[in-house]
């Protein structure tokens, strides 16, 4: 690991998990932060403990949860919920789907059982084919779960309205996901346990009554954190009732910044335990002891709050209030911190202060060698920004070694190595050339304003393709000739983008990694993900 990597690892441990906050007053004890640990449980863990997911080899591991869910897997789990799996395994009927040989030998009796019993929700995909290894969408899974609950397709709900009907029954955790992973499957299974059956009883009670779950089993405890989507389609965190969770900019400087009437208007998220869905990392959840003595949950170093004026699921009335309250999103590129001394300033997604170097010019960093060792480059190239900021102001520059560095209005952003805990801004005014970035006031450096404007790094527009949930997004992307396209992977599974005509072939991208191409020639560029080419495709149309 290089020096910057070691620094970031130490910084992450100290600043996010174990950091004390600055006291808001001399007689107020400093807030203390502790890892969430065993108090944070994923849906994968809950599903495994209840026996709803079995996993493979070593059980329900992170690798297993990251894998795509196939139709045969989903069918097996639905049969388990309906108490029919053992009967399906022992089925001896000869008639089956034409493509049953695609499944393993142990699963072929199950396919024959499903072929003979379409009432269990798996009638195949036409032409007497089941397509057992094909991926599963949230719409398909929710249809089967609704039928498990006793609701009838084409009677109680139409297939096209599956997800809307499911939402009314409390099934919405994975809605809109075109290609499921086993982690998504776990989330849907766990939320379905509390859903009402057509008889009016929770599914959990029915499963216990029918012996699918042991009498000693209990529903997963704790506050459920959900991922919802706002009007712009951006994901944000919500509580178990669907009420939006928020960050407070002032917490960047003081974790006890919200007290008194502030807490009355912005209630703290408190719970003995948390349950989190697919796509969220348990390590990102920590607990802070608020000045009031209450244990408050944090996400990525930011305390979490509700807003008193949000009264129903989906309300986001607290977004942007006072320029300091923002939806808690899992994919911020930057956040806004605020303090009495510094005013508003940019931080990274975990609240670590960012700086600019007054000797830099647009698109060019003057900080190299020993300077860079003390002022590490901030590298985040993708993600959301708070609603009060302009996303177009954020981009990247290319450093002399070819690496990318995050930039604001064309100027590079940096950390300071002596900032060791959340809220530190010890780099402010160092050498009278290092400063925090006030997004409302920053218009460039002294060197940048004195020098001729540097040419833009790239011509044409820049477009982003976010790789999420085993998909390149919906529909083709239309761009102008000369445009730059940045592929960024947000999945835990590695993906790439390979053009059918050979014009580009990206490397396999780990989570949060990006790959950039430039397309100068008009035409249609079909592409696919090499490991998942059977279903993961996209198209770029260059005008």
Protein backbone atom coordinates (compact mmCIF):
# COMPACT_ATOMS: atom_id res chain seq x y z
CA UNK A 1 0.00 0.00 0.00
CA UNK A 2 1.38 3.44 -0.90
CA UNK A 3 1.69 6.33 1.54
CA UNK A 4 -1.65 7.81 0.57
CA UNK A 5 -3.36 4.43 0.88
CA UNK A 6 -1.92 3.93 4.37
CA UNK A 7 -2.98 7.43 5.35
CA UNK A 8 -6.50 6.90 4.05
CA UNK A 9 -6.82 3.55 5.85
CA UNK A 10 -5.74 5.12 9.12
CA UNK A 11 -7.88 8.16 8.46
CA UNK A 12 -10.96 6.06 7.74
CA UNK A 13 -10.56 4.06 10.93
CA UNK A 14 -9.87 7.07 13.10
CA UNK A 15 -12.15 9.61 11.47
CA UNK A 16 -15.19 7.52 10.74
CA UNK A 17 -15.35 4.75 13.33
CA UNK A 18 -13.58 5.90 16.45
CA UNK A 19 -13.32 9.67 16.20
CA UNK A 20 -14.34 11.95 19.05
CA UNK A 21 -16.16 15.09 17.98
CA UNK A 22 -15.32 18.59 19.07
CA UNK A 23 -17.38 19.69 22.07
CA UNK A 24 -19.87 22.46 21.38
CA UNK A 25 -19.22 24.04 24.74
CA UNK A 26 -16.51 23.81 27.36
CA UNK A 27 -18.76 22.04 29.85
CA UNK A 28 -20.26 19.62 27.30
CA UNK A 29 -18.55 16.23 27.04
CA UNK A 30 -17.31 15.38 23.57
CA UNK A 31 -19.52 13.10 21.53
CA UNK A 32 -18.11 9.62 21.22
CA UNK A 33 -18.48 7.36 18.20
CA UNK A 34 -18.49 3.58 18.24
CA UNK A 35 -18.83 0.97 15.49
CA UNK A 36 -22.34 -0.37 15.00
CA UNK A 37 -20.98 -3.91 15.17
CA UNK A 38 -23.48 -6.65 15.95
CA UNK A 39 -26.26 -4.07 16.29
CA UNK A 40 -26.29 -3.71 12.49
CA UNK A 41 -27.68 -6.73 10.69
CA UNK A 42 -28.03 -7.15 6.95
CA UNK A 43 -31.00 -8.78 5.29
CA UNK A 44 -28.62 -11.48 4.10
CA UNK A 45 -27.76 -12.35 7.70
CA UNK A 46 -31.42 -12.36 8.73
CA UNK A 47 -32.48 -14.53 5.79
CA UNK A 48 -29.67 -16.99 6.50
CA UNK A 49 -30.50 -17.23 10.22
CA UNK A 50 -34.13 -18.00 9.38
CA UNK A 51 -33.13 -20.60 6.80
CA UNK A 52 -34.74 -18.70 3.94
CA UNK A 53 -31.38 -18.51 2.15
CA UNK A 54 -29.02 -21.47 2.25
CA UNK A 55 -26.18 -20.16 0.12
CA UNK A 56 -23.58 -22.41 -1.40
CA UNK A 57 -20.32 -23.94 -0.22
CA UNK A 58 -19.46 -21.69 2.71
CA UNK A 59 -23.06 -20.57 3.11
CA UNK A 60 -24.51 -17.09 2.69
CA UNK A 61 -21.25 -15.22 2.13
CA UNK A 62 -20.60 -11.77 0.67
CA UNK A 63 -19.60 -13.43 -2.60
CA UNK A 64 -22.84 -15.39 -2.70
CA UNK A 65 -24.92 -12.28 -2.01
CA UNK A 66 -23.15 -10.40 -4.81
CA UNK A 67 -24.04 -13.03 -7.40
CA UNK A 68 -26.97 -12.59 -9.73
CA UNK A 69 -30.16 -14.43 -8.82
CA UNK A 70 -31.36 -16.95 -11.40
CA UNK A 71 -34.90 -18.04 -12.09
CA UNK A 72 -34.29 -21.52 -10.69
CA UNK A 73 -32.91 -20.03 -7.45
CA UNK A 74 -35.92 -17.77 -7.08
CA UNK A 75 -38.27 -20.67 -7.81
CA UNK A 76 -36.62 -22.85 -5.15
CA UNK A 77 -36.95 -20.12 -2.53
CA UNK A 78 -40.59 -19.48 -3.40
CA UNK A 79 -41.31 -23.21 -3.06
CA UNK A 80 -39.58 -23.18 0.32
CA UNK A 81 -41.86 -20.34 1.45
CA UNK A 82 -44.90 -22.27 0.29
CA UNK A 83 -43.76 -25.43 2.07
CA UNK A 84 -43.53 -27.35 -1.21
CA UNK A 85 -39.79 -27.65 -1.73
CA UNK A 86 -39.41 -31.18 -0.38
CA UNK A 87 -42.32 -32.38 -2.48
CA UNK A 88 -40.74 -30.75 -5.52
CA UNK A 89 -37.37 -32.41 -4.87
CA UNK A 90 -39.05 -35.82 -4.66
CA UNK A 91 -41.27 -35.31 -7.71
CA UNK A 92 -41.07 -38.12 -10.26
CA UNK A 93 -43.20 -36.74 -13.08
CA UNK A 94 -41.69 -37.18 -16.53
CA UNK A 95 -43.08 -34.08 -18.24
CA UNK A 96 -40.98 -30.96 -17.86
CA UNK A 97 -39.83 -27.84 -19.62
CA UNK A 98 -37.94 -28.25 -22.88
CA UNK A 99 -34.82 -26.60 -21.45
CA UNK A 100 -34.78 -28.46 -18.11
CA UNK A 101 -31.39 -29.93 -19.02
CA UNK A 102 -29.85 -26.47 -18.48
CA UNK A 103 -30.37 -26.91 -14.75
CA UNK A 104 -28.30 -29.20 -12.56
CA UNK A 105 -29.49 -32.77 -12.13
CA UNK A 106 -30.70 -32.11 -8.57
CA UNK A 107 -32.92 -29.28 -9.79
CA UNK A 108 -34.58 -31.11 -12.67
CA UNK A 109 -37.27 -32.75 -10.48
CA UNK A 110 -38.10 -29.24 -9.24
CA UNK A 111 -38.58 -28.02 -12.80
CA UNK A 112 -40.80 -31.00 -13.56
CA UNK A 113 -42.84 -30.21 -10.44
CA UNK A 114 -43.24 -26.57 -11.50
CA UNK A 115 -44.21 -27.68 -15.01
CA UNK A 116 -46.98 -29.80 -13.53
CA UNK A 117 -48.06 -27.23 -10.94
CA UNK A 118 -48.26 -23.77 -12.55
CA UNK A 119 -50.41 -22.62 -9.61
CA UNK A 120 -47.18 -22.05 -7.65
CA UNK A 121 -46.33 -19.08 -9.84
CA UNK A 122 -43.73 -20.47 -12.23
CA UNK A 123 -45.43 -21.27 -15.52
CA UNK A 124 -42.36 -20.71 -17.68
CA UNK A 125 -41.61 -18.12 -20.34
CA UNK A 126 -43.44 -19.50 -23.38
CA UNK A 127 -42.62 -22.21 -25.92
CA UNK A 128 -42.48 -24.66 -23.00
CA UNK A 129 -39.23 -23.12 -21.77
CA UNK A 130 -38.34 -22.16 -18.20
CA UNK A 131 -34.97 -20.45 -18.86
CA UNK A 132 -33.63 -21.56 -15.45
CA UNK A 133 -30.34 -19.65 -15.58
CA UNK A 134 -31.82 -16.32 -16.68
CA UNK A 135 -31.71 -13.35 -14.30
CA UNK A 136 -34.75 -12.26 -12.30
CA UNK A 137 -36.24 -8.76 -12.06
CA UNK A 138 -37.91 -7.21 -9.04
CA UNK A 139 -41.23 -7.29 -10.88
CA UNK A 140 -40.95 -11.05 -11.44
CA UNK A 141 -39.95 -11.74 -7.84
CA UNK A 142 -42.68 -9.56 -6.36
CA UNK A 143 -45.26 -11.36 -8.51
CA UNK A 144 -44.22 -14.68 -7.00
CA UNK A 145 -44.09 -13.28 -3.46
CA UNK A 146 -47.57 -11.80 -3.86
CA UNK A 147 -48.85 -15.19 -5.00
CA UNK A 148 -47.14 -16.75 -1.98
CA UNK A 149 -49.11 -14.29 0.14
CA UNK A 150 -52.30 -15.55 -1.47
CA UNK A 151 -52.95 -12.76 -3.99
CA UNK A 152 -53.81 -13.87 -7.50
CA UNK A 153 -52.18 -12.55 -10.65
CA UNK A 154 -54.74 -11.34 -13.22
CA UNK A 155 -57.36 -11.29 -10.48
CA UNK A 156 -56.09 -9.23 -7.54
CA UNK A 157 -53.48 -7.43 -9.64
CA UNK A 158 -52.31 -7.16 -13.25
CA UNK A 159 -48.72 -8.10 -14.01
CA UNK A 160 -47.92 -4.58 -15.26
CA UNK A 161 -49.10 -3.22 -11.89
CA UNK A 162 -47.20 -5.80 -9.82
CA UNK A 163 -44.82 -3.40 -8.10
CA UNK A 164 -47.49 -0.81 -7.32
CA UNK A 165 -49.70 -3.50 -5.77
CA UNK A 166 -46.71 -4.94 -3.90
CA UNK A 167 -45.86 -1.50 -2.51
CA UNK A 168 -49.34 -1.33 -1.01
CA UNK A 169 -48.53 -4.53 0.87
CA UNK A 170 -45.23 -3.20 2.18
CA UNK A 171 -43.04 -4.76 -0.50
CA UNK A 172 -40.89 -2.02 -2.02
CA UNK A 173 -37.28 -2.52 -0.89
CA UNK A 174 -36.02 -3.64 -4.31
CA UNK A 175 -38.67 -2.10 -6.57
CA UNK A 176 -37.43 -1.03 -9.99
CA UNK A 177 -34.40 -3.32 -10.00
CA UNK A 178 -34.07 -4.90 -13.46
CA UNK A 179 -31.60 -7.63 -12.50
CA UNK A 180 -31.49 -9.00 -8.97
CA UNK A 181 -28.57 -10.23 -6.93
CA UNK A 182 -28.94 -12.66 -4.05
CA UNK A 183 -28.63 -9.65 -1.72
CA UNK A 184 -31.74 -8.16 -3.35
CA UNK A 185 -33.43 -11.52 -2.93
CA UNK A 186 -32.60 -11.48 0.78
CA UNK A 187 -34.03 -7.96 1.17
CA UNK A 188 -37.30 -8.94 -0.52
CA UNK A 189 -37.62 -12.11 1.55
CA UNK A 190 -37.08 -10.33 4.86
CA UNK A 191 -39.53 -7.53 4.10
CA UNK A 192 -42.14 -10.07 2.95
CA UNK A 193 -42.21 -11.65 6.41
CA UNK A 194 -44.13 -8.66 7.76
CA UNK A 195 -46.41 -8.35 4.73
CA UNK A 196 -50.08 -9.31 5.16
CA UNK A 197 -51.37 -12.44 3.48
CA UNK A 198 -54.70 -12.40 1.67
CA UNK A 199 -56.17 -13.76 4.92
CA UNK A 200 -54.93 -10.70 6.80
CA UNK A 201 -52.17 -12.35 8.84
CA UNK A 202 -48.43 -11.60 8.50
CA UNK A 203 -46.58 -14.07 6.30
CA UNK A 204 -44.24 -14.81 9.21
CA UNK A 205 -47.15 -16.17 11.28
CA UNK A 206 -48.32 -18.33 8.39
CA UNK A 207 -44.84 -19.76 7.83
CA UNK A 208 -44.55 -20.68 11.50
CA UNK A 209 -48.02 -22.23 11.52
CA UNK A 210 -47.18 -24.37 8.50
CA UNK A 211 -43.79 -25.41 9.90
CA UNK A 212 -41.72 -23.63 7.26
CA UNK A 213 -40.14 -21.61 10.07
CA UNK A 214 -39.50 -23.09 13.52
CA UNK A 215 -41.73 -22.05 16.41
CA UNK A 216 -38.67 -20.55 18.12
CA UNK A 217 -37.96 -18.17 15.24
CA UNK A 218 -38.67 -14.46 15.60
CA UNK A 219 -38.96 -11.57 13.20
CA UNK A 220 -35.70 -9.65 12.68
CA UNK A 221 -35.59 -6.92 15.31
CA UNK A 222 -34.57 -3.28 15.07
CA UNK A 223 -35.20 -0.21 12.95
CA UNK A 224 -35.27 -1.03 9.27
CA UNK A 225 -33.30 1.27 6.98
CA UNK A 226 -34.73 1.46 3.49
CA UNK A 227 -33.37 2.81 0.21
CA UNK A 228 -35.97 4.97 -1.51
CA UNK A 229 -35.75 7.20 -4.59
CA UNK A 230 -36.61 10.89 -4.83
CA UNK A 231 -38.23 12.73 -7.75
CA UNK A 232 -34.87 12.92 -9.53
CA UNK A 233 -34.40 9.16 -9.21
CA UNK A 234 -31.60 9.49 -6.64
CA UNK A 235 -31.40 6.91 -3.86
CA UNK A 236 -31.63 8.10 -0.26
CA UNK A 237 -31.95 6.53 3.18
CA UNK A 238 -35.30 6.28 4.96
CA UNK A 239 -36.47 4.72 8.20
CA UNK A 240 -38.77 1.74 8.57
CA UNK A 241 -41.85 3.91 7.94
CA UNK A 242 -40.37 5.35 4.77
CA UNK A 243 -39.59 8.71 6.40
CA UNK A 244 -36.55 10.43 4.90
CA UNK A 245 -33.28 10.57 6.85
CA UNK A 246 -31.09 13.67 6.69
CA UNK A 247 -27.57 15.00 7.23
CA UNK A 248 -26.85 18.32 9.01
CA UNK A 249 -23.93 20.33 7.56
CA UNK A 250 -23.00 21.75 10.96
CA UNK A 251 -22.21 18.22 12.16
CA UNK A 252 -19.04 18.31 10.05
CA UNK A 253 -17.55 20.60 12.70
CA UNK A 254 -19.43 19.46 15.81
CA UNK A 255 -21.35 16.19 16.18
CA UNK A 256 -23.43 17.83 18.92
CA UNK A 257 -24.38 20.81 16.74
CA UNK A 258 -28.11 19.98 16.84
CA UNK A 259 -29.51 20.55 20.32
CA UNK A 260 -32.61 21.96 21.99
CA UNK A 261 -35.22 23.16 19.51
CA UNK A 262 -33.13 21.76 16.67
CA UNK A 263 -33.69 18.23 18.02
CA UNK A 264 -37.40 18.95 18.39
CA UNK A 265 -37.58 19.84 14.69
CA UNK A 266 -35.08 17.22 13.57
CA UNK A 267 -35.52 14.11 15.76
CA UNK A 268 -32.45 11.91 16.07
CA UNK A 269 -32.46 8.41 14.58
CA UNK A 270 -32.24 6.18 17.64
CA UNK A 271 -32.67 2.41 17.86
CA UNK A 272 -31.06 -0.50 19.66
CA UNK A 273 -30.50 -2.29 16.36
CA UNK A 274 -30.57 -1.54 12.64
CA UNK A 275 -31.55 -3.77 9.74
CA UNK A 276 -30.13 -2.73 6.40
CA UNK A 277 -30.92 -3.80 2.82
CA UNK A 278 -28.87 -4.80 -0.19
CA UNK A 279 -26.41 -2.18 -1.35
CA UNK A 280 -25.51 -0.79 2.07
CA UNK A 281 -22.35 -1.69 4.00
CA UNK A 282 -22.73 -2.44 7.75
CA UNK A 283 -19.33 -0.83 8.38
CA UNK A 284 -20.74 2.53 7.27
CA UNK A 285 -23.11 2.61 10.26
CA UNK A 286 -21.77 3.84 13.58
CA UNK A 287 -23.26 5.11 16.83
CA UNK A 288 -22.58 8.48 18.45
CA UNK A 289 -23.47 9.40 22.00
CA UNK A 290 -25.25 12.73 21.62
CA UNK A 291 -24.79 15.50 24.20
CA UNK A 292 -28.22 14.56 25.54
CA UNK A 293 -26.91 11.09 26.36
CA UNK A 294 -28.99 9.44 23.62
CA UNK A 295 -27.36 6.97 21.23
CA UNK A 296 -27.77 8.29 17.69
CA UNK A 297 -27.06 6.37 14.50
CA UNK A 298 -24.62 7.74 11.94
CA UNK A 299 -24.00 6.88 8.30
CA UNK A 300 -20.57 7.45 6.78
CA UNK A 301 -19.66 9.69 9.71
CA UNK A 302 -22.83 11.83 9.57
CA UNK A 303 -25.48 11.70 12.34
CA UNK A 304 -28.93 10.80 10.97
CA UNK A 305 -32.13 12.77 11.57
CA UNK A 306 -35.79 12.79 10.59
CA UNK A 307 -37.69 16.02 9.85
CA UNK A 308 -40.81 16.80 11.86
CA UNK A 309 -42.67 18.13 8.79
CA UNK A 310 -42.22 14.87 6.87
CA UNK A 311 -45.41 13.02 7.79
CA UNK A 312 -45.64 10.26 5.21
CA UNK A 313 -43.33 7.93 3.33
CA UNK A 314 -41.61 9.71 0.48
CA UNK A 315 -41.84 13.22 1.93
CA UNK A 316 -38.56 15.12 1.49
CA UNK A 317 -39.59 18.51 2.86
CA UNK A 318 -36.33 18.83 4.78
CA UNK A 319 -34.16 18.75 1.67
CA UNK A 320 -32.06 21.92 1.40
CA UNK A 321 -33.63 23.62 4.44
CA UNK A 322 -31.40 26.51 5.47
CA UNK A 323 -28.78 25.29 3.02
CA UNK A 324 -27.59 22.87 5.71
CA UNK A 325 -30.03 19.91 5.72
CA UNK A 326 -29.76 17.26 3.01
CA UNK A 327 -31.15 13.83 2.22
CA UNK A 328 -28.78 11.11 3.42
CA UNK A 329 -27.65 9.58 0.12
CA UNK A 330 -25.28 6.63 -0.20
CA UNK A 331 -23.42 8.02 -3.22
CA UNK A 332 -22.48 11.63 -2.53
CA UNK A 333 -19.31 12.79 -4.24
CA UNK A 334 -19.01 15.76 -1.87
CA UNK A 335 -20.94 17.20 1.05
CA UNK A 336 -21.18 20.65 2.62
CA UNK A 337 -19.76 21.30 6.05
CA UNK A 338 -20.39 24.43 8.06
CA UNK A 339 -18.81 26.05 11.09
CA UNK A 340 -18.93 29.43 12.80
CA UNK A 341 -15.26 30.02 11.98
CA UNK A 342 -15.11 28.85 8.36
CA UNK A 343 -18.66 29.25 7.11
CA UNK A 344 -19.67 26.73 4.44
CA UNK A 345 -17.01 24.48 2.92
CA UNK A 346 -16.71 21.30 0.88
CA UNK A 347 -16.04 17.93 2.47
CA UNK A 348 -15.90 14.43 1.09
CA UNK A 349 -18.84 12.07 1.55
CA UNK A 350 -17.66 11.17 5.06
CA UNK A 351 -17.24 14.78 6.23
CA UNK A 352 -13.47 15.08 5.75
CA UNK A 353 -12.43 18.61 4.81
CA UNK A 354 -11.31 19.38 1.24
CA UNK A 355 -8.91 22.16 0.24
CA UNK A 356 -7.68 24.08 -2.78
CA UNK A 357 -4.08 25.19 -3.45
CA UNK A 358 -3.79 28.86 -4.36
CA UNK A 359 -0.86 28.15 -6.71
CA UNK A 360 -2.94 25.84 -8.91
CA UNK A 361 -4.30 26.95 -12.26
CA UNK A 362 -7.38 25.59 -14.06
CA UNK A 363 -6.99 21.90 -15.00
CA UNK A 364 -3.44 21.85 -13.60
CA UNK A 365 -2.08 20.91 -10.16
CA UNK A 366 1.08 22.61 -8.94
CA UNK A 367 1.29 20.21 -5.98
CA UNK A 368 3.69 17.31 -6.61
CA UNK A 369 6.20 15.10 -4.77
CA UNK A 370 6.54 16.17 -1.10
CA UNK A 371 3.65 18.57 -1.46
CA UNK A 372 1.39 15.73 -2.56
CA UNK A 373 2.53 13.60 0.37
CA UNK A 374 1.21 16.27 2.74
CA UNK A 375 -1.80 17.21 0.64
CA UNK A 376 -3.14 13.96 -0.88
CA UNK A 377 -5.26 14.31 -4.00
CA UNK A 378 -8.99 13.72 -3.58
CA UNK A 379 -9.89 11.19 -6.23
CA UNK A 380 -13.69 10.79 -6.25
CA UNK A 381 -14.79 11.21 -9.85
CA UNK A 382 -18.46 10.25 -9.65
CA UNK A 383 -21.45 10.58 -7.37
CA UNK A 384 -24.15 13.02 -6.36
CA UNK A 385 -23.78 16.51 -4.92
CA UNK A 386 -26.03 18.30 -2.41
CA UNK A 387 -29.05 19.97 -4.00
CA UNK A 388 -27.75 23.49 -3.31
CA UNK A 389 -24.67 22.84 -5.47
CA UNK A 390 -24.34 22.70 -9.25
CA UNK A 391 -23.21 19.26 -10.40
CA UNK A 392 -21.67 20.84 -13.51
CA UNK A 393 -19.09 22.58 -11.28
CA UNK A 394 -17.55 19.22 -10.39
CA UNK A 395 -15.25 17.21 -12.59
CA UNK A 396 -11.70 15.90 -12.72
CA UNK A 397 -8.26 16.97 -13.86
CA UNK A 398 -5.52 14.69 -15.13
CA UNK A 399 -2.36 14.71 -13.03
CA UNK A 400 1.12 14.37 -14.60
CA UNK A 401 1.15 10.64 -13.80
CA UNK A 402 -2.15 10.16 -15.65
CA UNK A 403 -4.27 9.68 -12.53
CA UNK A 404 -7.52 11.57 -12.08
CA UNK A 405 -8.10 14.10 -9.32
CA UNK A 406 -11.47 15.55 -8.33
CA UNK A 407 -11.91 19.21 -9.16
CA UNK A 408 -14.31 22.06 -8.40
CA UNK A 409 -14.76 24.67 -11.13
CA UNK A 410 -11.66 23.22 -12.78
CA UNK A 411 -9.44 23.42 -9.68
CA UNK A 412 -8.02 20.36 -7.93
CA UNK A 413 -9.28 19.27 -4.50
CA UNK A 414 -7.03 17.93 -1.74
CA UNK A 415 -7.00 16.46 1.76
CA UNK A 416 -4.53 17.57 4.46
CA UNK A 417 -2.52 14.82 6.11
CA UNK A 418 -2.72 16.45 9.56
CA UNK A 419 -6.52 16.33 9.59
CA UNK A 420 -6.93 13.16 11.61
CA UNK A 421 -10.54 13.22 12.75
CA UNK A 422 -14.00 14.26 11.65
CA UNK A 423 -14.32 18.03 11.83
CA UNK A 424 -10.61 18.81 11.52
CA UNK A 425 -9.77 21.74 9.24
CA UNK A 426 -6.18 22.31 10.35
CA UNK A 427 -5.08 22.94 6.77
CA UNK A 428 -6.92 26.25 6.59
CA UNK A 429 -4.55 29.09 5.59
CA UNK A 430 -1.40 26.94 5.88
CA UNK A 431 1.39 28.92 4.25
CA UNK A 432 -1.31 31.39 3.20
CA UNK A 433 -1.86 29.21 0.11
CA UNK A 434 -4.12 26.39 1.35
CA UNK A 435 -7.80 27.07 1.99
CA UNK A 436 -11.13 25.34 2.47
CA UNK A 437 -13.51 25.66 -0.49
CA UNK A 438 -16.58 27.82 0.08
CA UNK A 439 -18.73 26.68 -2.86
CA UNK A 440 -20.72 29.92 -2.97
CA UNK A 441 -17.68 32.22 -2.93
CA UNK A 442 -14.91 30.30 -4.69
CA UNK A 443 -14.19 31.65 -8.17
CA UNK A 444 -10.62 30.46 -8.69
CA UNK A 445 -7.11 30.76 -7.29
CA UNK A 446 -4.83 33.77 -7.36
CA UNK A 447 -2.56 31.94 -9.80
CA UNK A 448 -5.49 30.90 -11.94
CA UNK A 449 -6.88 34.40 -12.22
CA UNK A 450 -3.45 35.81 -13.08
CA UNK A 451 -2.73 33.20 -15.78
CA UNK A 452 -4.39 32.89 -19.20
CA UNK A 453 -7.30 30.51 -19.17
CA UNK A 454 -6.17 26.95 -19.75
CA UNK A 455 -7.88 25.05 -22.53
CA UNK A 456 -10.48 22.56 -21.45
CA UNK A 457 -9.12 19.09 -20.95
CA UNK A 458 -11.61 17.61 -23.38
CA UNK A 459 -13.79 18.85 -26.22
CA UNK A 460 -17.43 17.96 -26.55
CA UNK A 461 -19.74 17.11 -23.71
CA UNK A 462 -19.22 14.57 -20.95
CA UNK A 463 -21.81 11.88 -20.26
CA UNK A 464 -21.97 9.36 -17.43
CA UNK A 465 -23.12 5.76 -17.63
CA UNK A 466 -23.80 4.51 -14.10
CA UNK A 467 -23.53 0.73 -13.89
CA UNK A 468 -26.05 -0.29 -11.23
CA UNK A 469 -27.96 -3.47 -10.46
CA UNK A 470 -26.37 -5.33 -13.39
CA UNK A 471 -27.58 -2.71 -15.86
CA UNK A 472 -26.18 0.14 -17.98
CA UNK A 473 -29.44 2.04 -17.48
CA UNK A 474 -32.62 2.22 -19.50
CA UNK A 475 -32.59 2.94 -23.22
CA UNK A 476 -29.79 4.06 -25.55
CA UNK A 477 -27.56 7.04 -24.76
CA UNK A 478 -27.48 9.69 -27.51
CA UNK A 479 -24.39 11.93 -27.60
CA UNK A 480 -22.63 14.37 -29.89
CA UNK A 481 -19.50 13.42 -31.84
CA UNK A 482 -16.41 14.17 -29.77
CA UNK A 483 -18.18 13.47 -26.49
CA UNK A 484 -16.62 11.73 -23.53
CA UNK A 485 -18.47 8.87 -21.85
CA UNK A 486 -17.50 7.81 -18.34
CA UNK A 487 -18.59 4.35 -17.20
CA UNK A 488 -18.69 4.02 -13.39
CA UNK A 489 -19.48 0.76 -11.62
CA UNK A 490 -21.66 1.04 -8.50
CA UNK A 491 -22.20 -2.73 -8.10
CA UNK A 492 -20.18 -4.97 -5.80
CA UNK A 493 -19.70 -7.31 -8.78
CA UNK A 494 -17.08 -6.37 -11.39
CA UNK A 495 -18.34 -5.15 -14.78
CA UNK A 496 -16.90 -3.72 -17.99
CA UNK A 497 -18.10 -2.26 -21.28
CA UNK A 498 -17.01 -3.86 -24.56
CA UNK A 499 -18.10 -2.56 -27.97
CA UNK A 500 -19.48 -5.14 -30.37
CA UNK A 501 -17.54 -3.50 -33.23
CA UNK A 502 -14.31 -3.53 -31.23
CA UNK A 503 -14.02 0.26 -30.97
CA UNK A 504 -13.55 0.09 -27.20
CA UNK A 505 -13.03 -2.59 -24.57
CA UNK A 506 -12.87 -1.46 -20.98
CA UNK A 507 -11.19 -3.30 -18.12
CA UNK A 508 -13.22 -5.03 -15.43
CA UNK A 509 -14.20 -2.30 -12.98
CA UNK A 510 -14.46 -2.92 -9.25
CA UNK A 511 -17.02 -0.95 -7.26
CA UNK A 512 -16.59 2.85 -7.64
CA UNK A 513 -14.01 2.47 -10.42
CA UNK A 514 -14.47 4.30 -13.73
CA UNK A 515 -13.46 3.89 -17.38
CA UNK A 516 -13.52 6.74 -19.91
CA UNK A 517 -13.92 6.64 -23.68
CA UNK A 518 -14.21 9.34 -26.33
CA UNK A 519 -16.31 8.77 -29.44
CA UNK A 520 -15.52 11.04 -32.39
CA UNK A 521 -17.16 9.10 -35.21
CA UNK A 522 -20.95 9.25 -35.68
CA UNK A 523 -22.71 5.91 -35.60
CA UNK A 524 -24.35 3.35 -33.34
CA UNK A 525 -22.16 1.60 -30.80
CA UNK A 526 -23.67 -1.52 -29.24
CA UNK A 527 -21.80 -2.81 -26.22
CA UNK A 528 -22.02 -5.41 -23.47
CA UNK A 529 -20.50 -6.49 -20.16
CA UNK A 530 -18.14 -9.39 -20.87
CA UNK A 531 -18.97 -11.48 -17.74
CA UNK A 532 -22.73 -10.91 -18.16
CA UNK A 533 -23.07 -10.50 -21.93
CA UNK A 534 -26.21 -12.64 -22.16
CA UNK A 535 -28.35 -9.98 -20.51
CA UNK A 536 -26.25 -6.89 -19.75
CA UNK A 537 -26.09 -4.73 -22.88
CA UNK A 538 -26.23 -1.08 -23.87
CA UNK A 539 -26.13 1.24 -26.85
CA UNK A 540 -24.57 4.64 -27.58
CA UNK A 541 -25.77 6.66 -30.56
CA UNK A 542 -23.26 9.27 -31.74
CA UNK A 543 -24.77 12.09 -33.81
